[in-house]
Amino acid sequence: MKLQATIKKIKQRAKIVGLKVDIHEEKRKHDSAFNIRFENSGQVISFYSGRDYSDDDGGEDATHLIKVTRDGDVSDIHTDYFAGSFVDNITQALNWVAPLPAKYSVGSLVRFKQNKRNARANLVGKIRLVIEAATGGNYKLLNPNQQSHPYSPYYSERDLEFVS
């Protein structure tokens, strides 16, 4: 992804989740190192930006080596411990550090959509009440037909639609 698109995506996410973001750039001889910190997250997104000459237009700044690290976590060269986790793209890093708010709030009525997964589980068209909204678009739903069940799964928001 190009550097300008990456910075734009970071600023858009900060606006959506309502957090301040601090973007720190360290210019070096042939590239730049970036550290991104969202307020109250306790984590840092870091990546590098350098010229990508694979294009015909002379090269643009491209981002690579995107890494998410907790505050205070440092690598140890003596024990093969490398702090943080590398991710494939900036969206994965943003979902980790500043997750999007839930699409359906607790107390909403939702209906299971018509798709293969719901058809296999015989859930198509059934209406449930959202009792817990977890990060990543997962929801725990109340089934009025069962009083207690030892296994209460989370359902993905892509399988649900809003009723009221």
C-alpha atoms as a PDB file:
ATOM      1  CA  MET A   1       0.000   0.000   0.000  1.00  0.00           C
ATOM      2  CA  LYS A   2       1.215   3.477  -0.735  1.00  0.00           C
ATOM      3  CA  LEU A   3       2.291   5.723   2.120  1.00  0.00           C
ATOM      4  CA  GLN A   4      -0.325   8.434   1.520  1.00  0.00           C
ATOM      5  CA  ALA A   5      -3.132   5.850   1.458  1.00  0.00           C
ATOM      6  CA  THR A   6      -1.801   4.300   4.678  1.00  0.00           C
ATOM      7  CA  ILE A   7      -1.691   7.637   6.519  1.00  0.00           C
ATOM      8  CA  LYS A   8      -5.182   8.488   5.240  1.00  0.00           C
ATOM      9  CA  LYS A   9      -6.535   5.141   6.490  1.00  0.00           C
ATOM     10  CA  ILE A  10      -4.960   5.698   9.929  1.00  0.00           C
ATOM     11  CA  LYS A  11      -6.496   9.175  10.233  1.00  0.00           C
ATOM     12  CA  GLN A  12      -9.911   7.894   9.102  1.00  0.00           C
ATOM     13  CA  ARG A  13      -9.829   5.140  11.747  1.00  0.00           C
ATOM     14  CA  ALA A  14      -8.905   7.677  14.437  1.00  0.00           C
ATOM     15  CA  LYS A  15     -11.901   9.792  13.427  1.00  0.00           C
ATOM     16  CA  ILE A  16     -14.275   6.782  13.424  1.00  0.00           C
ATOM     17  CA  VAL A  17     -13.250   5.483  16.860  1.00  0.00           C
ATOM     18  CA  GLY A  18     -12.921   8.982  18.324  1.00  0.00           C
ATOM     19  CA  LEU A  19      -9.324   8.721  19.496  1.00  0.00           C
ATOM     20  CA  LYS A  20      -6.374  11.024  19.007  1.00  0.00           C
ATOM     21  CA  VAL A  21      -3.531   9.556  16.999  1.00  0.00           C
ATOM     22  CA  ASP A  22       0.152  10.469  17.162  1.00  0.00           C
ATOM     23  CA  ILE A  23       2.114   9.825  13.959  1.00  0.00           C
ATOM     24  CA  HIS A  24       5.871  10.063  14.420  1.00  0.00           C
ATOM     25  CA  GLU A  25       8.177   9.857  11.385  1.00  0.00           C
ATOM     26  CA  GLU A  26      11.901   9.250  11.645  1.00  0.00           C
ATOM     27  CA  LYS A  27      13.581  10.100   8.338  1.00  0.00           C
ATOM     28  CA  ARG A  28      16.623   8.027   7.480  1.00  0.00           C
ATOM     29  CA  LYS A  29      18.997   7.977   4.509  1.00  0.00           C
ATOM     30  CA  HIS A  30      16.973   5.728   2.157  1.00  0.00           C
ATOM     31  CA  ASP A  31      13.639   5.288   3.922  1.00  0.00           C
ATOM     32  CA  SER A  32      11.500   6.458   6.837  1.00  0.00           C
ATOM     33  CA  ALA A  33      10.401   4.689  10.004  1.00  0.00           C
ATOM     34  CA  PHE A  34       6.921   5.460  11.336  1.00  0.00           C
ATOM     35  CA  ASN A  35       5.491   4.930  14.823  1.00  0.00           C
ATOM     36  CA  ILE A  36       1.725   5.266  15.233  1.00  0.00           C
ATOM     37  CA  ARG A  37       0.148   5.509  18.682  1.00  0.00           C
ATOM     38  CA  PHE A  38      -3.571   5.791  19.459  1.00  0.00           C
ATOM     39  CA  GLU A  39      -4.404   7.349  22.822  1.00  0.00           C
ATOM     40  CA  ASN A  40      -5.061   4.854  25.656  1.00  0.00           C
ATOM     41  CA  SER A  41      -4.266   1.843  23.450  1.00  0.00           C
ATOM     42  CA  GLY A  42      -1.038   0.722  25.142  1.00  0.00           C
ATOM     43  CA  GLN A  43       0.271  -0.440  21.759  1.00  0.00           C
ATOM     44  CA  VAL A  44       2.341   0.970  18.900  1.00  0.00           C
ATOM     45  CA  ILE A  45       2.036   0.314  15.174  1.00  0.00           C
ATOM     46  CA  SER A  46       5.378   0.644  13.402  1.00  0.00           C
ATOM     47  CA  PHE A  47       6.249   0.329   9.737  1.00  0.00           C
ATOM     48  CA  TYR A  48       8.799   1.460   7.202  1.00  0.00           C
ATOM     49  CA  SER A  49       8.302   3.456   4.046  1.00  0.00           C
ATOM     50  CA  GLY A  50      10.700   3.396   1.135  1.00  0.00           C
ATOM     51  CA  ARG A  51      10.706   3.932  -2.610  1.00  0.00           C
ATOM     52  CA  ASP A  52       9.020   1.230  -4.687  1.00  0.00           C
ATOM     53  CA  TYR A  53      10.606   1.306  -8.148  1.00  0.00           C
ATOM     54  CA  SER A  54       8.491  -1.529  -9.585  1.00  0.00           C
ATOM     55  CA  ASP A  55       6.062   1.028 -11.062  1.00  0.00           C
ATOM     56  CA  ASP A  56       6.735   2.806 -14.339  1.00  0.00           C
ATOM     57  CA  ASP A  57       6.193   6.253 -12.777  1.00  0.00           C
ATOM     58  CA  GLY A  58       9.590   6.410 -11.082  1.00  0.00           C
ATOM     59  CA  GLY A  59       8.500   4.964  -7.751  1.00  0.00           C
ATOM     60  CA  GLU A  60       6.264   5.984  -4.893  1.00  0.00           C
ATOM     61  CA  ASP A  61       6.656   5.525  -1.172  1.00  0.00           C
ATOM     62  CA  ALA A  62       5.364   2.073  -0.185  1.00  0.00           C
ATOM     63  CA  THR A  63       4.820   0.724   3.326  1.00  0.00           C
ATOM     64  CA  HIS A  64       6.267  -2.585   4.505  1.00  0.00           C
ATOM     65  CA  LEU A  65       7.140  -4.531   7.679  1.00  0.00           C
ATOM     66  CA  ILE A  66       4.017  -3.524   9.617  1.00  0.00           C
ATOM     67  CA  LYS A  67       4.354  -4.520  13.265  1.00  0.00           C
ATOM     68  CA  VAL A  68       2.210  -4.138  16.409  1.00  0.00           C
ATOM     69  CA  THR A  69       4.037  -3.960  19.759  1.00  0.00           C
ATOM     70  CA  ARG A  70       2.829  -3.469  23.350  1.00  0.00           C
ATOM     71  CA  ASP A  71       4.255  -0.618  25.398  1.00  0.00           C
ATOM     72  CA  GLY A  72       7.381  -1.645  27.277  1.00  0.00           C
ATOM     73  CA  ASP A  73       7.879  -4.830  25.257  1.00  0.00           C
ATOM     74  CA  VAL A  74      11.375  -4.970  23.778  1.00  0.00           C
ATOM     75  CA  SER A  75      13.208  -7.593  21.734  1.00  0.00           C
ATOM     76  CA  ASP A  76      15.987  -9.611  23.347  1.00  0.00           C
ATOM     77  CA  ILE A  77      18.788 -10.594  20.978  1.00  0.00           C
ATOM     78  CA  HIS A  78      20.215 -13.131  23.465  1.00  0.00           C
ATOM     79  CA  THR A  79      17.101 -15.324  23.654  1.00  0.00           C
ATOM     80  CA  ASP A  80      15.516 -15.114  20.176  1.00  0.00           C
ATOM     81  CA  TYR A  81      12.578 -13.142  21.560  1.00  0.00           C
ATOM     82  CA  PHE A  82      11.174 -10.644  19.112  1.00  0.00           C
ATOM     83  CA  ALA A  83       8.640  -8.271  20.626  1.00  0.00           C
ATOM     84  CA  GLY A  84       5.347  -7.709  18.855  1.00  0.00           C
ATOM     85  CA  SER A  85       3.623  -9.329  15.916  1.00  0.00           C
ATOM     86  CA  PHE A  86       3.944  -8.678  12.222  1.00  0.00           C
ATOM     87  CA  VAL A  87       0.738  -8.251  10.226  1.00  0.00           C
ATOM     88  CA  ASP A  88       0.051  -8.397   6.499  1.00  0.00           C
ATOM     89  CA  ASN A  89      -1.589  -4.999   6.052  1.00  0.00           C
ATOM     90  CA  ILE A  90      -2.453  -1.799   7.890  1.00  0.00           C
ATOM     91  CA  THR A  91      -6.123  -2.776   8.316  1.00  0.00           C
ATOM     92  CA  GLN A  92      -5.140  -5.799  10.437  1.00  0.00           C
ATOM     93  CA  ALA A  93      -2.937  -3.581  12.621  1.00  0.00           C
ATOM     94  CA  LEU A  94      -5.707  -0.988  13.030  1.00  0.00           C
ATOM     95  CA  ASN A  95      -8.274  -3.667  13.945  1.00  0.00           C
ATOM     96  CA  TRP A  96      -5.878  -4.848  16.638  1.00  0.00           C
ATOM     97  CA  VAL A  97      -5.002  -1.457  18.145  1.00  0.00           C
ATOM     98  CA  ALA A  98      -8.171   0.587  17.485  1.00  0.00           C
ATOM     99  CA  PRO A  99     -11.048  -1.814  16.722  1.00  0.00           C
ATOM    100  CA  LEU A 100     -14.189  -0.526  15.040  1.00  0.00           C
ATOM    101  CA  PRO A 101     -17.271  -0.049  17.220  1.00  0.00           C
ATOM    102  CA  ALA A 102     -19.969  -2.723  17.178  1.00  0.00           C
ATOM    103  CA  LYS A 103     -22.478  -2.529  14.332  1.00  0.00           C
ATOM    104  CA  TYR A 104     -25.363  -3.721  16.526  1.00  0.00           C
ATOM    105  CA  SER A 105     -25.664  -2.446  20.091  1.00  0.00           C
ATOM    106  CA  VAL A 106     -26.642  -4.570  23.084  1.00  0.00           C
ATOM    107  CA  GLY A 107     -30.430  -4.869  23.208  1.00  0.00           C
ATOM    108  CA  SER A 108     -30.889  -4.789  19.416  1.00  0.00           C
ATOM    109  CA  LEU A 109     -33.057  -7.322  17.632  1.00  0.00           C
ATOM    110  CA  VAL A 110     -31.291  -9.087  14.779  1.00  0.00           C
ATOM    111  CA  ARG A 111     -32.351 -11.676  12.210  1.00  0.00           C
ATOM    112  CA  PHE A 112     -30.200 -14.399  10.671  1.00  0.00           C
ATOM    113  CA  LYS A 113     -29.597 -13.771   6.952  1.00  0.00           C
ATOM    114  CA  GLN A 114     -30.234 -16.257   4.166  1.00  0.00           C
ATOM    115  CA  ASN A 115     -26.847 -17.900   3.554  1.00  0.00           C
ATOM    116  CA  LYS A 116     -25.319 -21.391   3.521  1.00  0.00           C
ATOM    117  CA  ARG A 117     -23.896 -21.277   7.029  1.00  0.00           C
ATOM    118  CA  ASN A 118     -27.197 -20.207   8.577  1.00  0.00           C
ATOM    119  CA  ALA A 119     -29.142 -22.720   6.448  1.00  0.00           C
ATOM    120  CA  ARG A 120     -26.924 -25.588   7.686  1.00  0.00           C
ATOM    121  CA  ALA A 121     -27.543 -24.545  11.287  1.00  0.00           C
ATOM    122  CA  ASN A 122     -31.287 -24.065  10.605  1.00  0.00           C
ATOM    123  CA  LEU A 123     -31.103 -20.423  11.728  1.00  0.00           C
ATOM    124  CA  VAL A 124     -32.348 -18.572   8.612  1.00  0.00           C
ATOM    125  CA  GLY A 125     -34.975 -15.953   9.490  1.00  0.00           C
ATOM    126  CA  LYS A 126     -34.818 -16.513  13.257  1.00  0.00           C
ATOM    127  CA  ILE A 127     -34.847 -13.388  15.412  1.00  0.00           C
ATOM    128  CA  ARG A 128     -32.592 -13.022  18.450  1.00  0.00           C
ATOM    129  CA  LEU A 129     -31.658 -10.344  20.989  1.00  0.00           C
ATOM    130  CA  VAL A 130     -28.036  -9.135  21.209  1.00  0.00           C
ATOM    131  CA  ILE A 131     -26.796  -9.657  24.788  1.00  0.00           C
ATOM    132  CA  GLU A 132     -23.061  -9.067  24.191  1.00  0.00           C
ATOM    133  CA  ALA A 133     -21.183  -7.234  21.453  1.00  0.00           C
ATOM    134  CA  ALA A 134     -17.536  -8.329  21.273  1.00  0.00           C
ATOM    135  CA  THR A 135     -14.779  -6.712  19.233  1.00  0.00           C
ATOM    136  CA  GLY A 136     -14.288  -7.884  15.698  1.00  0.00           C
ATOM    137  CA  GLY A 137     -17.984  -7.956  14.822  1.00  0.00           C
ATOM    138  CA  ASN A 138     -18.955 -10.947  16.960  1.00  0.00           C
ATOM    139  CA  TYR A 139     -22.157 -11.107  18.982  1.00  0.00           C
ATOM    140  CA  LYS A 140     -23.599 -13.330  21.658  1.00  0.00           C
ATOM    141  CA  LEU A 141     -27.348 -13.721  21.139  1.00  0.00           C
ATOM    142  CA  LEU A 142     -30.193 -14.667  23.453  1.00  0.00           C
ATOM    143  CA  ASN A 143     -32.221 -17.653  22.355  1.00  0.00           C
ATOM    144  CA  PRO A 144     -35.669 -17.462  24.013  1.00  0.00           C
ATOM    145  CA  ASN A 145     -36.334 -21.183  23.440  1.00  0.00           C
ATOM    146  CA  GLN A 146     -33.428 -22.396  25.569  1.00  0.00           C
ATOM    147  CA  GLN A 147     -33.211 -21.553  29.264  1.00  0.00           C
ATOM    148  CA  SER A 148     -29.564 -22.462  29.771  1.00  0.00           C
ATOM    149  CA  HIS A 149     -27.047 -23.995  27.465  1.00  0.00           C
ATOM    150  CA  PRO A 150     -23.413 -24.845  28.286  1.00  0.00           C
ATOM    151  CA  TYR A 151     -22.323 -23.795  24.795  1.00  0.00           C
ATOM    152  CA  SER A 152     -23.306 -20.266  23.845  1.00  0.00           C
ATOM    153  CA  PRO A 153     -21.513 -19.363  20.590  1.00  0.00           C
ATOM    154  CA  TYR A 154     -20.643 -15.986  19.131  1.00  0.00           C
ATOM    155  CA  TYR A 155     -22.160 -15.148  15.743  1.00  0.00           C
ATOM    156  CA  SER A 156     -20.512 -12.979  13.102  1.00  0.00           C
ATOM    157  CA  GLU A 157     -22.142  -9.714  12.025  1.00  0.00           C
ATOM    158  CA  ARG A 158     -21.953 -10.878   8.399  1.00  0.00           C
ATOM    159  CA  ASP A 159     -24.589 -13.520   9.252  1.00  0.00           C
ATOM    160  CA  LEU A 160     -26.964 -11.033  10.890  1.00  0.00           C
ATOM    161  CA  GLU A 161     -29.211  -8.184   9.797  1.00  0.00           C
ATOM    162  CA  PHE A 162     -30.786  -5.465  11.912  1.00  0.00           C
ATOM    163  CA  VAL A 163     -34.503  -5.760  12.731  1.00  0.00           C
ATOM    164  CA  SER A 164     -35.046  -3.051  15.356  1.00  0.00           C
END
